PDB file of N, CA and C in Angstrom:
ATOM      1  N   MET A   1     -26.462   3.182 -21.067  1.00  0.00           N
ATOM      2  CA  MET A   1     -26.212   3.613 -19.700  1.00  0.00           C
ATOM      3  C   MET A   1     -26.453   2.477 -18.703  1.00  0.00           C
ATOM      4  N   ALA A   2     -27.465   1.667 -18.951  1.00  0.00           N
ATOM      5  CA  ALA A   2     -27.763   0.560 -18.040  1.00  0.00           C
ATOM      6  C   ALA A   2     -26.646  -0.474 -18.079  1.00  0.00           C
ATOM      7  N   GLY A   3     -26.000  -0.654 -19.252  1.00  0.00           N
ATOM      8  CA  GLY A   3     -24.909  -1.616 -19.369  1.00  0.00           C
ATOM      9  C   GLY A   3     -23.725  -1.241 -18.493  1.00  0.00           C
ATOM     10  N   ILE A   4     -23.446   0.047 -18.422  1.00  0.00           N
ATOM     11  CA  ILE A   4     -22.342   0.506 -17.574  1.00  0.00           C
ATOM     12  C   ILE A   4     -22.663   0.232 -16.112  1.00  0.00           C
ATOM     13  N   TRP A   5     -23.894   0.526 -15.713  1.00  0.00           N
ATOM     14  CA  TRP A   5     -24.297   0.307 -14.334  1.00  0.00           C
ATOM     15  C   TRP A   5     -24.242  -1.183 -13.981  1.00  0.00           C
ATOM     16  N   ILE A   6     -24.735  -2.034 -14.869  1.00  0.00           N
ATOM     17  CA  ILE A   6     -24.724  -3.478 -14.618  1.00  0.00           C
ATOM     18  C   ILE A   6     -23.286  -3.994 -14.569  1.00  0.00           C
ATOM     19  N   GLY A   7     -22.436  -3.541 -15.486  1.00  0.00           N
ATOM     20  CA  GLY A   7     -21.045  -3.979 -15.499  1.00  0.00           C
ATOM     21  C   GLY A   7     -20.295  -3.541 -14.253  1.00  0.00           C
ATOM     22  N   ALA A   8     -20.519  -2.304 -13.835  1.00  0.00           N
ATOM     23  CA  ALA A   8     -19.854  -1.808 -12.629  1.00  0.00           C
ATOM     24  C   ALA A   8     -20.321  -2.568 -11.395  1.00  0.00           C
ATOM     25  N   THR A   9     -21.618  -2.834 -11.315  1.00  0.00           N
ATOM     26  CA  THR A   9     -22.155  -3.579 -10.184  1.00  0.00           C
ATOM     27  C   THR A   9     -21.606  -5.001 -10.159  1.00  0.00           C
ATOM     28  N   PHE A  10     -21.566  -5.640 -11.315  1.00  0.00           N
ATOM     29  CA  PHE A  10     -21.034  -6.995 -11.402  1.00  0.00           C
ATOM     30  C   PHE A  10     -19.551  -7.019 -11.005  1.00  0.00           C
ATOM     31  N   GLY A  11     -18.792  -6.036 -11.446  1.00  0.00           N
ATOM     32  CA  GLY A  11     -17.372  -5.956 -11.092  1.00  0.00           C
ATOM     33  C   GLY A  11     -17.162  -5.784  -9.595  1.00  0.00           C
ATOM     34  N   MET A  12     -17.983  -4.944  -8.971  1.00  0.00           N
ATOM     35  CA  MET A  12     -17.870  -4.737  -7.522  1.00  0.00           C
ATOM     36  C   MET A  12     -18.245  -6.002  -6.742  1.00  0.00           C
ATOM     37  N   VAL A  13     -19.290  -6.693  -7.180  1.00  0.00           N
ATOM     38  CA  VAL A  13     -19.706  -7.932  -6.512  1.00  0.00           C
ATOM     39  C   VAL A  13     -18.604  -8.979  -6.654  1.00  0.00           C
ATOM     40  N   LEU A  14     -18.013  -9.074  -7.833  1.00  0.00           N
ATOM     41  CA  LEU A  14     -16.941 -10.038  -8.059  1.00  0.00           C
ATOM     42  C   LEU A  14     -15.719  -9.706  -7.192  1.00  0.00           C
ATOM     43  N   ALA A  15     -15.345  -8.437  -7.136  1.00  0.00           N
ATOM     44  CA  ALA A  15     -14.195  -8.027  -6.315  1.00  0.00           C
ATOM     45  C   ALA A  15     -14.470  -8.284  -4.830  1.00  0.00           C
ATOM     46  N   ASP A  16     -15.684  -8.004  -4.387  1.00  0.00           N
ATOM     47  CA  ASP A  16     -16.034  -8.269  -2.982  1.00  0.00           C
ATOM     48  C   ASP A  16     -15.995  -9.759  -2.680  1.00  0.00           C
ATOM     49  N   GLY A  17     -16.459 -10.573  -3.608  1.00  0.00           N
ATOM     50  CA  GLY A  17     -16.430 -12.023  -3.415  1.00  0.00           C
ATOM     51  C   GLY A  17     -15.010 -12.555  -3.288  1.00  0.00           C
ATOM     52  N   VAL A  18     -14.112 -12.049  -4.130  1.00  0.00           N
ATOM     53  CA  VAL A  18     -12.712 -12.460  -4.044  1.00  0.00           C
ATOM     54  C   VAL A  18     -12.115 -12.009  -2.709  1.00  0.00           C
ATOM     55  N   ALA A  19     -12.403 -10.781  -2.296  1.00  0.00           N
ATOM     56  CA  ALA A  19     -11.872 -10.271  -1.029  1.00  0.00           C
ATOM     57  C   ALA A  19     -12.387 -11.083   0.156  1.00  0.00           C
ATOM     58  N   ILE A  20     -13.638 -11.469   0.128  1.00  0.00           N
ATOM     59  CA  ILE A  20     -14.206 -12.275   1.215  1.00  0.00           C
ATOM     60  C   ILE A  20     -13.560 -13.652   1.245  1.00  0.00           C
ATOM     61  N   GLY A  21     -13.363 -14.247   0.093  1.00  0.00           N
ATOM     62  CA  GLY A  21     -12.713 -15.557   0.024  1.00  0.00           C
ATOM     63  C   GLY A  21     -11.283 -15.522   0.532  1.00  0.00           C
ATOM     64  N   VAL A  22     -10.522 -14.519   0.109  1.00  0.00           N
ATOM     65  CA  VAL A  22      -9.135 -14.387   0.570  1.00  0.00           C
ATOM     66  C   VAL A  22      -9.100 -14.113   2.074  1.00  0.00           C
ATOM     67  N   GLY A  23     -10.008 -13.274   2.551  1.00  0.00           N
ATOM     68  CA  GLY A  23     -10.066 -12.990   3.979  1.00  0.00           C
ATOM     69  C   GLY A  23     -10.391 -14.233   4.796  1.00  0.00           C
ATOM     70  N   ALA A  24     -11.323 -15.048   4.319  1.00  0.00           N
ATOM     71  CA  ALA A  24     -11.666 -16.281   5.033  1.00  0.00           C
ATOM     72  C   ALA A  24     -10.488 -17.253   5.034  1.00  0.00           C
ATOM     73  N   LEU A  25      -9.760 -17.334   3.918  1.00  0.00           N
ATOM     74  CA  LEU A  25      -8.590 -18.206   3.847  1.00  0.00           C
ATOM     75  C   LEU A  25      -7.483 -17.723   4.793  1.00  0.00           C
ATOM     76  N   LEU A  26      -7.242 -16.423   4.802  1.00  0.00           N
ATOM     77  CA  LEU A  26      -6.221 -15.885   5.694  1.00  0.00           C
ATOM     78  C   LEU A  26      -6.607 -16.074   7.155  1.00  0.00           C
ATOM     79  N   HIS A  27      -7.892 -15.964   7.450  1.00  0.00           N
ATOM     80  CA  HIS A  27      -8.350 -16.103   8.834  1.00  0.00           C
ATOM     81  C   HIS A  27      -8.121 -17.523   9.360  1.00  0.00           C
ATOM     82  N   THR A  28      -8.175 -18.514   8.482  1.00  0.00           N
ATOM     83  CA  THR A  28      -7.936 -19.889   8.929  1.00  0.00           C
ATOM     84  C   THR A  28      -6.452 -20.160   9.135  1.00  0.00           C
ATOM     85  N   ARG A  29      -5.573 -19.373   8.506  1.00  0.00           N
ATOM     86  CA  ARG A  29      -4.139 -19.660   8.555  1.00  0.00           C
ATOM     87  C   ARG A  29      -3.341 -18.694   9.430  1.00  0.00           C
ATOM     88  N   LEU A  30      -3.874 -17.526   9.730  1.00  0.00           N
ATOM     89  CA  LEU A  30      -3.132 -16.523  10.490  1.00  0.00           C
ATOM     90  C   LEU A  30      -3.916 -16.122  11.733  1.00  0.00           C
ATOM     91  N   PRO A  31      -3.228 -15.696  12.784  1.00  0.00           N
ATOM     92  CA  PRO A  31      -3.928 -15.276  14.007  1.00  0.00           C
ATOM     93  C   PRO A  31      -4.728 -13.991  13.784  1.00  0.00           C
ATOM     94  N   GLU A  32      -5.825 -13.894  14.487  1.00  0.00           N
ATOM     95  CA  GLU A  32      -6.715 -12.745  14.330  1.00  0.00           C
ATOM     96  C   GLU A  32      -6.026 -11.438  14.723  1.00  0.00           C
ATOM     97  N   ARG A  33      -5.196 -11.479  15.759  1.00  0.00           N
ATOM     98  CA  ARG A  33      -4.486 -10.265  16.187  1.00  0.00           C
ATOM     99  C   ARG A  33      -3.594  -9.722  15.071  1.00  0.00           C
ATOM    100  N   PHE A  34      -2.899 -10.619  14.371  1.00  0.00           N
ATOM    101  CA  PHE A  34      -2.053 -10.213  13.256  1.00  0.00           C
ATOM    102  C   PHE A  34      -2.879  -9.603  12.132  1.00  0.00           C
ATOM    103  N   LEU A  35      -4.017 -10.227  11.808  1.00  0.00           N
ATOM    104  CA  LEU A  35      -4.862  -9.709  10.726  1.00  0.00           C
ATOM    105  C   LEU A  35      -5.434  -8.340  11.066  1.00  0.00           C
ATOM    106  N   ARG A  36      -5.800  -8.129  12.325  1.00  0.00           N
ATOM    107  CA  ARG A  36      -6.301  -6.808  12.730  1.00  0.00           C
ATOM    108  C   ARG A  36      -5.209  -5.747  12.640  1.00  0.00           C
ATOM    109  N   ALA A  37      -4.014  -6.101  13.058  1.00  0.00           N
ATOM    110  CA  ALA A  37      -2.897  -5.157  12.964  1.00  0.00           C
ATOM    111  C   ALA A  37      -2.577  -4.851  11.499  1.00  0.00           C
ATOM    112  N   LEU A  38      -2.599  -5.863  10.659  1.00  0.00           N
ATOM    113  CA  LEU A  38      -2.346  -5.664   9.232  1.00  0.00           C
ATOM    114  C   LEU A  38      -3.405  -4.754   8.614  1.00  0.00           C
ATOM    115  N   ALA A  39      -4.661  -4.968   8.969  1.00  0.00           N
ATOM    116  CA  ALA A  39      -5.731  -4.111   8.458  1.00  0.00           C
ATOM    117  C   ALA A  39      -5.546  -2.667   8.925  1.00  0.00           C
ATOM    118  N   GLY A  40      -5.150  -2.483  10.172  1.00  0.00           N
ATOM    119  CA  GLY A  40      -4.920  -1.137  10.687  1.00  0.00           C
ATOM    120  C   GLY A  40      -3.773  -0.429   9.984  1.00  0.00           C
ATOM    121  N   VAL A  41      -2.677  -1.161   9.749  1.00  0.00           N
ATOM    122  CA  VAL A  41      -1.528  -0.560   9.062  1.00  0.00           C
ATOM    123  C   VAL A  41      -1.899  -0.205   7.625  1.00  0.00           C
ATOM    124  N   LEU A  42      -2.602  -1.096   6.940  1.00  0.00           N
ATOM    125  CA  LEU A  42      -3.019  -0.794   5.562  1.00  0.00           C
ATOM    126  C   LEU A  42      -3.956   0.409   5.518  1.00  0.00           C
ATOM    127  N   PHE A  43      -4.884   0.493   6.460  1.00  0.00           N
ATOM    128  CA  PHE A  43      -5.792   1.632   6.525  1.00  0.00           C
ATOM    129  C   PHE A  43      -5.014   2.932   6.722  1.00  0.00           C
ATOM    130  N   LEU A  44      -4.036   2.896   7.626  1.00  0.00           N
ATOM    131  CA  LEU A  44      -3.206   4.071   7.879  1.00  0.00           C
ATOM    132  C   LEU A  44      -2.407   4.453   6.636  1.00  0.00           C
ATOM    133  N   MET A  45      -1.832   3.466   5.971  1.00  0.00           N
ATOM    134  CA  MET A  45      -1.024   3.761   4.777  1.00  0.00           C
ATOM    135  C   MET A  45      -1.875   4.365   3.662  1.00  0.00           C
ATOM    136  N   PHE A  46      -3.034   3.789   3.399  1.00  0.00           N
ATOM    137  CA  PHE A  46      -3.907   4.349   2.356  1.00  0.00           C
ATOM    138  C   PHE A  46      -4.379   5.749   2.732  1.00  0.00           C
ATOM    139  N   GLY A  47      -4.719   5.942   4.007  1.00  0.00           N
ATOM    140  CA  GLY A  47      -5.161   7.264   4.440  1.00  0.00           C
ATOM    141  C   GLY A  47      -4.079   8.318   4.293  1.00  0.00           C
ATOM    142  N   LEU A  48      -2.850   7.972   4.691  1.00  0.00           N
ATOM    143  CA  LEU A  48      -1.746   8.924   4.542  1.00  0.00           C
ATOM    144  C   LEU A  48      -1.443   9.197   3.072  1.00  0.00           C
ATOM    145  N   TRP A  49      -1.525   8.157   2.240  1.00  0.00           N
ATOM    146  CA  TRP A  49      -1.283   8.356   0.805  1.00  0.00           C
ATOM    147  C   TRP A  49      -2.310   9.328   0.219  1.00  0.00           C
ATOM    148  N   ILE A  50      -3.579   9.119   0.546  1.00  0.00           N
ATOM    149  CA  ILE A  50      -4.631   9.999   0.014  1.00  0.00           C
ATOM    150  C   ILE A  50      -4.453  11.418   0.539  1.00  0.00           C
ATOM    151  N   LEU A  51      -4.101  11.556   1.807  1.00  0.00           N
ATOM    152  CA  LEU A  51      -3.904  12.879   2.382  1.00  0.00           C
ATOM    153  C   LEU A  51      -2.791  13.634   1.667  1.00  0.00           C
ATOM    154  N   PHE A  52      -1.619  13.021   1.588  1.00  0.00           N
ATOM    155  CA  PHE A  52      -0.482  13.749   1.039  1.00  0.00           C
ATOM    156  C   PHE A  52      -0.494  13.834  -0.482  1.00  0.00           C
ATOM    157  N   ASP A  53      -0.947  12.800  -1.171  1.00  0.00           N
ATOM    158  CA  ASP A  53      -0.904  12.829  -2.626  1.00  0.00           C
ATOM    159  C   ASP A  53      -2.095  13.560  -3.219  1.00  0.00           C
ATOM    160  N   SER A  54      -3.279  13.143  -2.852  1.00  0.00           N
ATOM    161  CA  SER A  54      -4.479  13.714  -3.476  1.00  0.00           C
ATOM    162  C   SER A  54      -4.874  15.053  -2.874  1.00  0.00           C
ATOM    163  N   ALA A  55      -4.919  15.136  -1.552  1.00  0.00           N
ATOM    164  CA  ALA A  55      -5.397  16.360  -0.910  1.00  0.00           C
ATOM    165  C   ALA A  55      -4.369  17.480  -0.958  1.00  0.00           C
ATOM    166  N   LEU A  56      -3.099  17.164  -0.700  1.00  0.00           N
ATOM    167  CA  LEU A  56      -2.079  18.206  -0.632  1.00  0.00           C
ATOM    168  C   LEU A  56      -1.193  18.269  -1.878  1.00  0.00           C
ATOM    169  N   GLY A  57      -1.261  17.262  -2.744  1.00  0.00           N
ATOM    170  CA  GLY A  57      -0.480  17.253  -3.970  1.00  0.00           C
ATOM    171  C   GLY A  57       1.011  17.040  -3.755  1.00  0.00           C
ATOM    172  N   LEU A  58       1.385  16.387  -2.686  1.00  0.00           N
ATOM    173  CA  LEU A  58       2.793  16.150  -2.369  1.00  0.00           C
ATOM    174  C   LEU A  58       3.107  14.662  -2.545  1.00  0.00           C
ATOM    175  N   ARG A  59       3.320  14.251  -3.796  1.00  0.00           N
ATOM    176  CA  ARG A  59       3.511  12.823  -4.073  1.00  0.00           C
ATOM    177  C   ARG A  59       4.749  12.260  -3.380  1.00  0.00           C
ATOM    178  N   TRP A  60       5.882  12.962  -3.411  1.00  0.00           N
ATOM    179  CA  TRP A  60       7.103  12.424  -2.806  1.00  0.00           C
ATOM    180  C   TRP A  60       6.976  12.319  -1.286  1.00  0.00           C
ATOM    181  N   VAL A  61       6.240  13.220  -0.697  1.00  0.00           N
ATOM    182  CA  VAL A  61       5.993  13.110   0.748  1.00  0.00           C
ATOM    183  C   VAL A  61       5.110  11.893   1.019  1.00  0.00           C
ATOM    184  N   ALA A  62       4.124  11.675   0.153  1.00  0.00           N
ATOM    185  CA  ALA A  62       3.253  10.509   0.310  1.00  0.00           C
ATOM    186  C   ALA A  62       4.052   9.219   0.214  1.00  0.00           C
ATOM    187  N   VAL A  63       4.972   9.148  -0.751  1.00  0.00           N
ATOM    188  CA  VAL A  63       5.810   7.957  -0.893  1.00  0.00           C
ATOM    189  C   VAL A  63       6.664   7.764   0.357  1.00  0.00           C
ATOM    190  N   ALA A  64       7.288   8.840   0.816  1.00  0.00           N
ATOM    191  CA  ALA A  64       8.177   8.744   1.983  1.00  0.00           C
ATOM    192  C   ALA A  64       7.410   8.344   3.243  1.00  0.00           C
ATOM    193  N   VAL A  65       6.254   8.954   3.461  1.00  0.00           N
ATOM    194  CA  VAL A  65       5.483   8.678   4.683  1.00  0.00           C
ATOM    195  C   VAL A  65       4.949   7.254   4.679  1.00  0.00           C
ATOM    196  N   THR A  66       4.379   6.809   3.569  1.00  0.00           N
ATOM    197  CA  THR A  66       3.832   5.450   3.535  1.00  0.00           C
ATOM    198  C   THR A  66       4.951   4.409   3.611  1.00  0.00           C
ATOM    199  N   ALA A  67       6.093   4.677   2.997  1.00  0.00           N
ATOM    200  CA  ALA A  67       7.225   3.747   3.105  1.00  0.00           C
ATOM    201  C   ALA A  67       7.731   3.684   4.544  1.00  0.00           C
ATOM    202  N   THR A  68       7.762   4.828   5.215  1.00  0.00           N
ATOM    203  CA  THR A  68       8.196   4.858   6.614  1.00  0.00           C
ATOM    204  C   THR A  68       7.247   4.054   7.499  1.00  0.00           C
ATOM    205  N   VAL A  69       5.958   4.186   7.276  1.00  0.00           N
ATOM    206  CA  VAL A  69       4.982   3.423   8.061  1.00  0.00           C
ATOM    207  C   VAL A  69       5.148   1.929   7.794  1.00  0.00           C
ATOM    208  N   ALA A  70       5.364   1.556   6.537  1.00  0.00           N
ATOM    209  CA  ALA A  70       5.546   0.140   6.208  1.00  0.00           C
ATOM    210  C   ALA A  70       6.795  -0.427   6.872  1.00  0.00           C
ATOM    211  N   VAL A  71       7.900   0.297   6.805  1.00  0.00           N
ATOM    212  CA  VAL A  71       9.149  -0.171   7.418  1.00  0.00           C
ATOM    213  C   VAL A  71       8.998  -0.249   8.940  1.00  0.00           C
ATOM    214  N   ALA A  72       8.331   0.728   9.542  1.00  0.00           N
ATOM    215  CA  ALA A  72       8.120   0.706  10.988  1.00  0.00           C
ATOM    216  C   ALA A  72       7.258  -0.491  11.398  1.00  0.00           C
ATOM    217  N   ALA A  73       6.230  -0.790  10.605  1.00  0.00           N
ATOM    218  CA  ALA A  73       5.366  -1.930  10.925  1.00  0.00           C
ATOM    219  C   ALA A  73       6.137  -3.239  10.820  1.00  0.00           C
ATOM    220  N   ILE A  74       6.955  -3.380   9.795  1.00  0.00           N
ATOM    221  CA  ILE A  74       7.766  -4.592   9.646  1.00  0.00           C
ATOM    222  C   ILE A  74       8.762  -4.695  10.800  1.00  0.00           C
ATOM    223  N   GLY A  75       9.359  -3.569  11.172  1.00  0.00           N
ATOM    224  CA  GLY A  75      10.288  -3.570  12.295  1.00  0.00           C
ATOM    225  C   GLY A  75       9.633  -3.986  13.593  1.00  0.00           C
ATOM    226  N   LEU A  76       8.424  -3.515  13.834  1.00  0.00           N
ATOM    227  CA  LEU A  76       7.705  -3.910  15.048  1.00  0.00           C
ATOM    228  C   LEU A  76       7.391  -5.397  15.059  1.00  0.00           C
ATOM    229  N   VAL A  77       7.046  -5.931  13.904  1.00  0.00           N
ATOM    230  CA  VAL A  77       6.763  -7.365  13.827  1.00  0.00           C
ATOM    231  C   VAL A  77       8.016  -8.159  14.171  1.00  0.00           C
ATOM    232  N   ILE A  78       9.160  -7.731  13.649  1.00  0.00           N
ATOM    233  CA  ILE A  78      10.407  -8.442  13.910  1.00  0.00           C
ATOM    234  C   ILE A  78      10.802  -8.312  15.370  1.00  0.00           C
ATOM    235  N   ILE A  79      10.670  -7.126  15.937  1.00  0.00           N
ATOM    236  CA  ILE A  79      11.069  -6.907  17.329  1.00  0.00           C
ATOM    237  C   ILE A  79      10.156  -7.655  18.301  1.00  0.00           C
ATOM    238  N   ARG A  80       8.868  -7.672  18.041  1.00  0.00           N
ATOM    239  CA  ARG A  80       7.915  -8.265  18.979  1.00  0.00           C
ATOM    240  C   ARG A  80       7.725  -9.757  18.793  1.00  0.00           C
ATOM    241  N   ARG A  81       8.434 -10.364  17.832  1.00  0.00           N
ATOM    242  CA  ARG A  81       8.301 -11.798  17.598  1.00  0.00           C
ATOM    243  C   ARG A  81       8.817 -12.547  18.817  1.00  0.00           C
ATOM    244  N   PRO A  82       8.045 -13.518  19.320  1.00  0.00           N
ATOM    245  CA  PRO A  82       8.520 -14.266  20.488  1.00  0.00           C
ATOM    246  C   PRO A  82       9.746 -15.091  20.123  1.00  0.00           C
ATOM    247  N   ARG A  83      10.709 -15.076  21.009  1.00  0.00           N
ATOM    248  CA  ARG A  83      11.940 -15.811  20.759  1.00  0.00           C
ATOM    249  C   ARG A  83      11.860 -17.188  21.401  1.00  0.00           C
ATOM    250  N   LYS A  84      12.333 -18.181  20.680  1.00  0.00           N
ATOM    251  CA  LYS A  84      12.329 -19.540  21.196  1.00  0.00           C
ATOM    252  C   LYS A  84      13.598 -19.760  22.015  1.00  0.00           C
ATOM    253  N   PRO A  85      13.490 -20.497  23.116  1.00  0.00           N
ATOM    254  CA  PRO A  85      14.709 -20.809  23.875  1.00  0.00           C
ATOM    255  C   PRO A  85      15.598 -21.716  23.043  1.00  0.00           C
ATOM    256  N   PRO A  86      16.898 -21.685  23.286  1.00  0.00           N
ATOM    257  CA  PRO A  86      17.788 -22.538  22.504  1.00  0.00           C
ATOM    258  C   PRO A  86      17.450 -24.007  22.703  1.00  0.00           C
ATOM    259  N   ALA A  87      17.554 -24.752  21.630  1.00  0.00           N
ATOM    260  CA  ALA A  87      17.227 -26.175  21.684  1.00  0.00           C
ATOM    261  C   ALA A  87      18.298 -26.925  22.463  1.00  0.00           C
ATOM    262  N   VAL A  88      17.845 -27.858  23.271  1.00  0.00           N
ATOM    263  CA  VAL A  88      18.759 -28.675  24.053  1.00  0.00           C
ATOM    264  C   VAL A  88      18.974 -29.964  23.278  1.00  0.00           C
ATOM    265  N   SER A  89      20.226 -30.263  22.994  1.00  0.00           N
ATOM    266  CA  SER A  89      20.506 -31.491  22.252  1.00  0.00           C
ATOM    267  C   SER A  89      21.171 -32.494  23.181  1.00  0.00           C
ATOM    268  N   GLY A  90      20.525 -33.615  23.366  1.00  0.00           N
ATOM    269  CA  GLY A  90      21.096 -34.672  24.189  1.00  0.00           C
ATOM    270  C   GLY A  90      20.821 -34.476  25.662  1.00  0.00           C
ATOM    271  N   PRO A  91      21.163 -35.481  26.475  1.00  0.00           N
ATOM    272  CA  PRO A  91      20.933 -35.389  27.923  1.00  0.00           C
ATOM    273  C   PRO A  91      21.885 -34.391  28.576  1.00  0.00           C
ATOM    274  N   GLN A  92      21.414 -33.778  29.629  1.00  0.00           N
ATOM    275  CA  GLN A  92      22.186 -32.767  30.328  1.00  0.00           C
ATOM    276  C   GLN A  92      23.194 -33.379  31.302  1.00  0.00           C
ATOM    277  N   SER A  93      22.906 -34.520  31.824  1.00  0.00           N
ATOM    278  CA  SER A  93      23.829 -35.143  32.767  1.00  0.00           C
ATOM    279  C   SER A  93      23.865 -36.643  32.506  1.00  0.00           C
ATOM    280  N   ARG A  94      24.831 -37.294  33.134  1.00  0.00           N
ATOM    281  CA  ARG A  94      24.958 -38.738  32.968  1.00  0.00           C
ATOM    282  C   ARG A  94      23.760 -39.463  33.566  1.00  0.00           C
ATOM    283  N   LEU A  95      23.206 -38.904  34.625  1.00  0.00           N
ATOM    284  CA  LEU A  95      22.055 -39.518  35.281  1.00  0.00           C
ATOM    285  C   LEU A  95      20.853 -39.559  34.343  1.00  0.00           C
ATOM    286  N   GLU A  96      20.665 -38.504  33.588  1.00  0.00           N
ATOM    287  CA  GLU A  96      19.526 -38.466  32.662  1.00  0.00           C
ATOM    288  C   GLU A  96      19.690 -39.458  31.529  1.00  0.00           C
ATOM    289  N   SER A  97      20.923 -39.807  31.166  1.00  0.00           N
ATOM    290  CA  SER A  97      21.141 -40.714  30.053  1.00  0.00           C
ATOM    291  C   SER A  97      20.992 -42.177  30.459  1.00  0.00           C
ATOM    292  N   MET A  98      20.976 -42.450  31.766  1.00  0.00           N
ATOM    293  CA  MET A  98      20.862 -43.827  32.230  1.00  0.00           C
ATOM    294  C   MET A  98      19.409 -44.276  32.173  1.00  0.00           C
ATOM    295  N   PRO A  99      19.174 -45.497  31.685  1.00  0.00           N
ATOM    296  CA  PRO A  99      17.786 -45.975  31.662  1.00  0.00           C
ATOM    297  C   PRO A  99      17.278 -46.217  33.078  1.00  0.00           C
ATOM    298  N   GLU A 100      15.993 -46.041  33.242  1.00  0.00           N
ATOM    299  CA  GLU A 100      15.377 -46.207  34.560  1.00  0.00           C
ATOM    300  C   GLU A 100      15.160 -47.694  34.822  1.00  0.00           C
ATOM    301  N   SER A 101      15.482 -48.136  36.002  1.00  0.00           N
ATOM    302  CA  SER A 101      15.341 -49.562  36.331  1.00  0.00           C
ATOM    303  C   SER A 101      13.879 -49.864  36.633  1.00  0.00           C
ATOM    304  N   PRO A 102      13.474 -51.132  36.464  1.00  0.00           N
ATOM    305  CA  PRO A 102      12.085 -51.496  36.784  1.00  0.00           C
ATOM    306  C   PRO A 102      11.742 -51.253  38.238  1.00  0.00           C
ATOM    307  N   ARG A 103      12.713 -51.430  39.143  1.00  0.00           N
ATOM    308  CA  ARG A 103      12.453 -51.183  40.560  1.00  0.00           C
ATOM    309  C   ARG A 103      12.153 -49.716  40.824  1.00  0.00           C
ATOM    310  N   ALA A 104      12.888 -48.832  40.174  1.00  0.00           N
ATOM    311  CA  ALA A 104      12.682 -47.407  40.385  1.00  0.00           C
ATOM    312  C   ALA A 104      11.318 -46.992  39.860  1.00  0.00           C
ATOM    313  N   ARG A 105      10.901 -47.578  38.752  1.00  0.00           N
ATOM    314  CA  ARG A 105       9.590 -47.226  38.206  1.00  0.00           C
ATOM    315  C   ARG A 105       8.459 -47.671  39.116  1.00  0.00           C
ATOM    316  N   LEU A 106       8.614 -48.809  39.753  1.00  0.00           N
ATOM    317  CA  LEU A 106       7.561 -49.311  40.636  1.00  0.00           C
ATOM    318  C   LEU A 106       7.696 -48.786  42.055  1.00  0.00           C
ATOM    319  N   ALA A 107       8.765 -48.070  42.350  1.00  0.00           N
ATOM    320  CA  ALA A 107       9.036 -47.502  43.664  1.00  0.00           C
ATOM    321  C   ALA A 107       9.128 -48.580  44.729  1.00  0.00           C
ATOM    322  N   ILE A 108       9.831 -49.670  44.398  1.00  0.00           N
ATOM    323  CA  ILE A 108      10.043 -50.758  45.356  1.00  0.00           C
ATOM    324  C   ILE A 108      11.307 -50.433  46.141  1.00  0.00           C
ATOM    325  N   PRO A 109      11.234 -50.347  47.455  1.00  0.00           N
ATOM    326  CA  PRO A 109      12.440 -50.023  48.215  1.00  0.00           C
ATOM    327  C   PRO A 109      13.432 -51.170  48.185  1.00  0.00           C
ATOM    328  N   GLY A 110      14.731 -50.820  48.267  1.00  0.00           N
ATOM    329  CA  GLY A 110      15.782 -51.799  48.435  1.00  0.00           C
ATOM    330  C   GLY A 110      16.366 -52.202  47.195  1.00  0.00           C
TER     331      GLY A 110
END
């Protein structure tokens, strides 16, 4: 009996260590706002799955609801992504393409 308890405890500590390491790595590479939103969506999906599948015994409803939440979350990410202005290639006018004279740089009149 003690072996089972020790093995289960060791497995949980190992899983927690991996989760902490992955979380720290993700935190250095992704914005905190995104990680919080991802955690919230995952929490919602797991909660809905447990509600519909385990509590109510409606597996197909659980699949449909969690898939809908996942698709909605992906859609929101795509819609709310900041758009970059179109890139400008080359000078806009002939004046911009002309090199600046030394007099103009020093602001010498005449």
